[in-house]
Amino acid sequence: MLSRWWQAWRTLRDERTLRRRAIPDVLWQLTLARYPFLAQRPDAELSTLRKLATLFLAQKEFSGGHGFAITNEIAVAVAAQACLPVLRLGLDAYAGFVGIVIHSDEVVARREIVDEAGVVHHYDETLTGEAMEGGPVMLSWPDVEAAGESAEWGYNVVIHEFAHVLDMADGLADGVPALPDRSSREAWLAVISAEYAEFCAHVDGGVDTLLDPYGAESIDEFFAVASEVFFVAPADMLIEHPQLYRLLTSYYQQDPAAHWRGQ
């Protein structure tokens, strides 16, 4: 009884949000024009994406780093790209965080590591994005804005960071998103571990790779990098990494290559 009441309340709330806070037509069409990998989706998927993006904007809190001003254009650009991976999974997949911080450029973060001898080392890392468990998600606006062009080399900072959010949904950043049962997890690991090992061997051997070599840093980065290419260059991934493509198809419940017309 309580669960039915809760679901009914959520449905009414979402319907009210979609009526009162719908993304304006002009702004939506501008967003699609700037990001062709979104625009070429079928009309039914674009309708769902627009609704999800509207609800996403209502649920998340955007802020600008160091005084950077968040405009409607910026917020919708982020929302549309962030909602693409959860087109079939639904926004509950992002329920574990609220904050999104947008910076005017890359961010330099101070890092600390301890080596095997127990010695602490400090270094600076330049970031275009970062997702932390429980939030916030940090993004560099120039990288978000340029996603239409950077799709040509399989790069998308929004999808990358939100893939990390999905990866961490089960509490671990291990390249394995939340899956329904142990057998599903074992099947996932069998494919992604083999793909990761082969990819690392190619990177170590200096072989040019479709996926960003940064994915060799760790298996969780490999999942995020693979997710980028899956959504913005799916036809290439299907050719070069068919097993990995099928794995991501089963998880995201999408087949973007089926609608691909290239950039």
Protein backbone atom coordinates (compact mmCIF):
# COMPACT_ATOMS: atom_id res chain seq x y z
CA MET A 1 0.00 0.00 0.00
CA LEU A 2 2.70 2.49 1.03
CA SER A 3 4.84 1.70 -2.02
CA ARG A 4 1.86 2.25 -4.36
CA TRP A 5 1.10 5.57 -2.67
CA TRP A 6 4.75 6.63 -2.99
CA GLN A 7 4.88 5.71 -6.66
CA ALA A 8 1.63 7.56 -7.34
CA TRP A 9 2.96 10.66 -5.57
CA ARG A 10 6.19 10.53 -7.57
CA THR A 11 4.26 10.20 -10.82
CA LEU A 12 2.13 13.24 -9.99
CA ARG A 13 5.21 15.21 -8.97
CA ASP A 14 7.02 14.36 -12.20
CA GLU A 15 4.00 15.20 -14.34
CA ARG A 16 3.74 18.58 -12.64
CA THR A 17 7.45 19.23 -13.22
CA LEU A 18 7.16 18.32 -16.89
CA ARG A 19 4.23 20.72 -17.30
CA ARG A 20 5.69 23.64 -15.39
CA ARG A 21 9.41 23.37 -16.05
CA ALA A 22 9.66 21.85 -19.50
CA ILE A 23 12.83 22.70 -21.44
CA PRO A 24 11.82 25.38 -24.00
CA ASP A 25 11.66 24.20 -27.61
CA VAL A 26 14.25 26.70 -28.83
CA LEU A 27 16.75 25.72 -26.15
CA TRP A 28 16.21 22.00 -26.74
CA GLN A 29 16.69 22.33 -30.50
CA LEU A 30 19.84 24.39 -29.92
CA THR A 31 21.19 21.65 -27.67
CA LEU A 32 20.51 18.95 -30.27
CA ALA A 33 22.16 21.06 -32.97
CA ARG A 34 25.30 21.42 -30.89
CA TYR A 35 25.55 17.71 -30.04
CA PRO A 36 24.87 15.62 -33.16
CA PHE A 37 25.32 12.32 -31.28
CA LEU A 38 22.10 13.26 -29.47
CA ALA A 39 20.23 14.65 -32.47
CA GLN A 40 20.48 11.50 -34.56
CA ARG A 41 18.56 9.42 -32.03
CA PRO A 42 15.00 8.43 -33.06
CA ASP A 43 12.23 10.87 -32.16
CA ALA A 44 10.80 8.58 -29.48
CA GLU A 45 14.17 8.40 -27.71
CA LEU A 46 14.64 12.17 -27.97
CA SER A 47 11.23 12.69 -26.39
CA THR A 48 12.22 10.45 -23.48
CA LEU A 49 15.60 12.14 -23.20
CA ARG A 50 13.97 15.57 -23.02
CA LYS A 51 11.66 14.44 -20.23
CA LEU A 52 14.52 12.88 -18.28
CA ALA A 53 16.63 16.01 -18.72
CA THR A 54 13.76 18.16 -17.43
CA LEU A 55 13.37 15.99 -14.33
CA PHE A 56 17.14 15.85 -13.87
CA LEU A 57 17.30 19.65 -13.81
CA ALA A 58 14.58 19.70 -11.16
CA GLN A 59 16.35 17.15 -8.96
CA LYS A 60 19.97 18.31 -9.12
CA GLU A 61 21.65 21.44 -7.78
CA PHE A 62 23.99 23.24 -10.19
CA SER A 63 26.67 25.63 -8.98
CA GLY A 64 29.57 27.42 -10.63
CA GLY A 65 33.11 27.10 -9.34
CA HIS A 66 34.85 30.38 -8.45
CA GLY A 67 31.93 32.52 -9.55
CA PHE A 68 31.30 30.82 -12.89
CA ALA A 69 27.72 31.67 -13.92
CA ILE A 70 25.41 28.75 -14.73
CA THR A 71 23.02 29.62 -17.57
CA ASN A 72 20.05 27.62 -18.82
CA GLU A 73 22.11 26.72 -21.87
CA ILE A 74 24.88 25.24 -19.72
CA ALA A 75 22.50 23.33 -17.43
CA VAL A 76 20.54 21.80 -20.32
CA ALA A 77 23.74 20.81 -22.15
CA VAL A 78 24.90 18.90 -19.09
CA ALA A 79 21.50 17.40 -18.34
CA ALA A 80 20.93 16.11 -21.88
CA GLN A 81 24.31 14.38 -22.02
CA ALA A 82 24.09 13.05 -18.45
CA CYS A 83 20.68 11.51 -19.10
CA LEU A 84 21.73 9.68 -22.26
CA PRO A 85 23.28 6.73 -20.34
CA VAL A 86 20.14 6.36 -18.19
CA LEU A 87 17.65 6.64 -21.06
CA ARG A 88 16.45 3.12 -20.20
CA LEU A 89 17.81 2.78 -16.66
CA GLY A 90 15.89 5.79 -15.32
CA LEU A 91 16.93 8.68 -13.08
CA ASP A 92 16.90 6.55 -9.94
CA ALA A 93 20.35 5.42 -11.07
CA TYR A 94 21.53 8.94 -10.15
CA ALA A 95 19.68 9.15 -6.84
CA GLY A 96 22.87 8.96 -4.77
CA PHE A 97 23.99 12.55 -5.35
CA VAL A 98 22.60 16.05 -5.87
CA GLY A 99 25.41 18.52 -6.56
CA ILE A 100 26.95 19.35 -9.94
CA VAL A 101 29.77 21.89 -10.03
CA ILE A 102 30.76 23.49 -13.33
CA HIS A 103 34.10 25.27 -13.72
CA SER A 104 35.16 27.75 -16.38
CA ASP A 105 38.21 25.61 -17.20
CA GLU A 106 40.21 22.60 -16.09
CA VAL A 107 40.84 22.26 -12.37
CA VAL A 108 44.18 21.51 -10.70
CA ALA A 109 43.70 19.22 -7.72
CA ARG A 110 46.30 18.51 -5.06
CA ARG A 111 46.74 14.76 -4.60
CA GLU A 112 48.44 12.62 -1.98
CA ILE A 113 49.64 9.04 -2.25
CA VAL A 114 51.58 6.77 0.08
CA ASP A 115 54.17 4.45 -1.49
CA GLU A 116 55.04 0.92 -0.38
CA ALA A 117 57.65 2.29 2.01
CA GLY A 118 55.07 4.48 3.73
CA VAL A 119 56.42 7.71 2.26
CA VAL A 120 53.79 10.33 1.47
CA HIS A 121 54.04 11.98 -1.96
CA HIS A 122 52.12 15.06 -3.14
CA TYR A 123 51.42 15.99 -6.74
CA ASP A 124 49.08 18.12 -8.83
CA GLU A 125 46.54 16.57 -11.19
CA THR A 126 44.74 18.51 -13.92
CA LEU A 127 41.09 17.49 -14.17
CA THR A 128 38.39 18.08 -16.76
CA GLY A 129 35.89 16.27 -14.57
CA GLU A 130 35.56 14.23 -11.42
CA ALA A 131 32.80 12.19 -9.83
CA MET A 132 32.92 11.52 -6.10
CA GLU A 133 30.80 8.97 -4.27
CA GLY A 134 27.81 10.84 -2.90
CA GLY A 135 28.66 13.82 -5.10
CA PRO A 136 29.28 16.31 -6.30
CA VAL A 137 30.11 15.74 -9.95
CA MET A 138 32.62 18.30 -11.24
CA LEU A 139 32.86 19.26 -14.92
CA SER A 140 34.89 21.70 -17.03
CA TRP A 141 32.52 23.72 -19.20
CA PRO A 142 34.88 24.04 -22.21
CA ASP A 143 35.03 20.24 -22.39
CA VAL A 144 31.26 19.93 -22.04
CA GLU A 145 30.64 22.62 -24.63
CA ALA A 146 33.02 21.03 -27.16
CA ALA A 147 31.43 17.57 -26.91
CA GLY A 148 29.96 17.84 -30.40
CA GLU A 149 33.43 18.12 -31.91
CA SER A 150 35.28 15.85 -29.46
CA ALA A 151 32.88 13.01 -30.29
CA GLU A 152 35.03 12.48 -33.38
CA TRP A 153 37.72 10.97 -31.17
CA GLY A 154 35.34 9.31 -28.73
CA TYR A 155 35.68 11.86 -25.94
CA ASN A 156 32.81 13.05 -23.74
CA VAL A 157 33.54 14.27 -20.23
CA VAL A 158 29.89 14.23 -19.09
CA ILE A 159 29.28 10.61 -20.07
CA HIS A 160 32.66 9.65 -18.59
CA GLU A 161 31.92 11.11 -15.18
CA PHE A 162 28.35 9.89 -15.05
CA ALA A 163 29.56 6.39 -15.96
CA HIS A 164 31.66 6.65 -12.79
CA VAL A 165 28.48 7.54 -10.90
CA LEU A 166 26.83 4.37 -12.22
CA ASP A 167 29.95 2.34 -11.41
CA MET A 168 29.94 3.57 -7.80
CA ALA A 169 26.24 2.85 -7.27
CA ASP A 170 27.10 -0.43 -5.52
CA GLY A 171 29.68 1.30 -3.31
CA LEU A 172 32.75 0.29 -5.31
CA ALA A 173 34.62 1.98 -8.16
CA ASP A 174 35.60 -1.28 -9.83
CA GLY A 175 34.33 -1.11 -13.40
CA VAL A 176 31.21 -3.07 -12.46
CA PRO A 177 27.94 -1.11 -12.17
CA ALA A 178 25.06 -2.33 -10.04
CA LEU A 179 23.85 -5.61 -11.53
CA PRO A 180 20.87 -7.78 -10.56
CA ASP A 181 22.69 -10.83 -9.21
CA ARG A 182 25.99 -12.65 -8.75
CA SER A 183 25.78 -14.54 -12.03
CA SER A 184 25.32 -11.26 -13.90
CA ARG A 185 28.35 -9.84 -12.11
CA GLU A 186 30.46 -12.88 -12.97
CA ALA A 187 29.42 -12.72 -16.62
CA TRP A 188 30.25 -9.00 -16.69
CA LEU A 189 33.69 -9.55 -15.16
CA ALA A 190 34.50 -12.33 -17.60
CA VAL A 191 34.06 -9.97 -20.55
CA ILE A 192 35.34 -6.69 -19.18
CA SER A 193 38.43 -8.22 -17.56
CA ALA A 194 39.49 -9.86 -20.81
CA GLU A 195 38.80 -6.67 -22.79
CA TYR A 196 40.72 -4.59 -20.26
CA ALA A 197 43.73 -6.90 -20.29
CA GLU A 198 43.91 -6.83 -24.10
CA PHE A 199 43.48 -3.05 -24.14
CA CYS A 200 46.28 -2.54 -21.61
CA ALA A 201 48.56 -4.76 -23.68
CA HIS A 202 47.86 -2.62 -26.75
CA VAL A 203 48.51 0.61 -24.83
CA ASP A 204 51.74 -0.77 -23.37
CA GLY A 205 52.80 -1.86 -26.84
CA GLY A 206 52.23 1.58 -28.34
CA VAL A 207 49.32 0.44 -30.51
CA ASP A 208 46.84 3.16 -31.54
CA THR A 209 43.53 2.47 -29.82
CA LEU A 210 39.97 3.62 -30.40
CA LEU A 211 39.50 3.99 -26.66
CA ASP A 212 41.43 6.69 -24.84
CA PRO A 213 44.70 5.22 -23.45
CA TYR A 214 43.73 6.79 -20.13
CA GLY A 215 41.43 3.82 -19.74
CA ALA A 216 44.48 1.68 -18.99
CA GLU A 217 44.89 3.49 -15.65
CA SER A 218 42.39 1.16 -13.97
CA ILE A 219 39.40 -0.98 -14.82
CA ASP A 220 36.97 1.66 -13.53
CA GLU A 221 38.51 4.21 -15.91
CA PHE A 222 38.27 1.61 -18.68
CA PHE A 223 34.52 1.29 -18.08
CA ALA A 224 34.10 5.08 -18.15
CA VAL A 225 36.18 5.51 -21.31
CA ALA A 226 34.36 2.63 -23.01
CA SER A 227 31.02 4.20 -22.09
CA GLU A 228 32.06 7.46 -23.76
CA VAL A 229 32.82 5.71 -27.05
CA PHE A 230 29.71 3.54 -26.81
CA PHE A 231 27.51 6.64 -26.89
CA VAL A 232 29.42 9.03 -29.16
CA ALA A 233 31.18 6.65 -31.60
CA PRO A 234 29.17 3.41 -31.35
CA ALA A 235 29.70 2.19 -34.92
CA ASP A 236 33.46 2.25 -34.43
CA MET A 237 33.18 0.42 -31.12
CA LEU A 238 30.95 -2.24 -32.63
CA ILE A 239 33.63 -2.93 -35.25
CA GLU A 240 36.70 -2.83 -33.00
CA HIS A 241 35.27 -4.12 -29.71
CA PRO A 242 32.16 -6.18 -30.55
CA GLN A 243 32.09 -8.12 -27.27
CA LEU A 244 32.53 -4.98 -25.20
CA TYR A 245 29.86 -3.25 -27.26
CA ARG A 246 27.41 -6.10 -26.62
CA LEU A 247 28.22 -6.00 -22.90
CA LEU A 248 27.40 -2.29 -22.72
CA THR A 249 24.29 -2.82 -24.85
CA SER A 250 23.01 -5.32 -22.31
CA TYR A 251 23.68 -2.99 -19.38
CA TYR A 252 22.50 0.32 -20.83
CA GLN A 253 19.64 -1.41 -22.70
CA GLN A 254 20.48 0.66 -25.77
CA ASP A 255 21.92 -0.05 -29.21
CA PRO A 256 23.19 3.36 -30.42
CA ALA A 257 24.99 1.91 -33.45
CA ALA A 258 21.62 0.90 -34.88
CA HIS A 259 20.81 4.56 -35.48
CA TRP A 260 24.30 5.81 -36.25
CA ARG A 261 24.88 8.03 -39.25
CA GLY A 262 28.35 9.27 -38.28
CA GLN A 263 29.52 12.77 -37.54
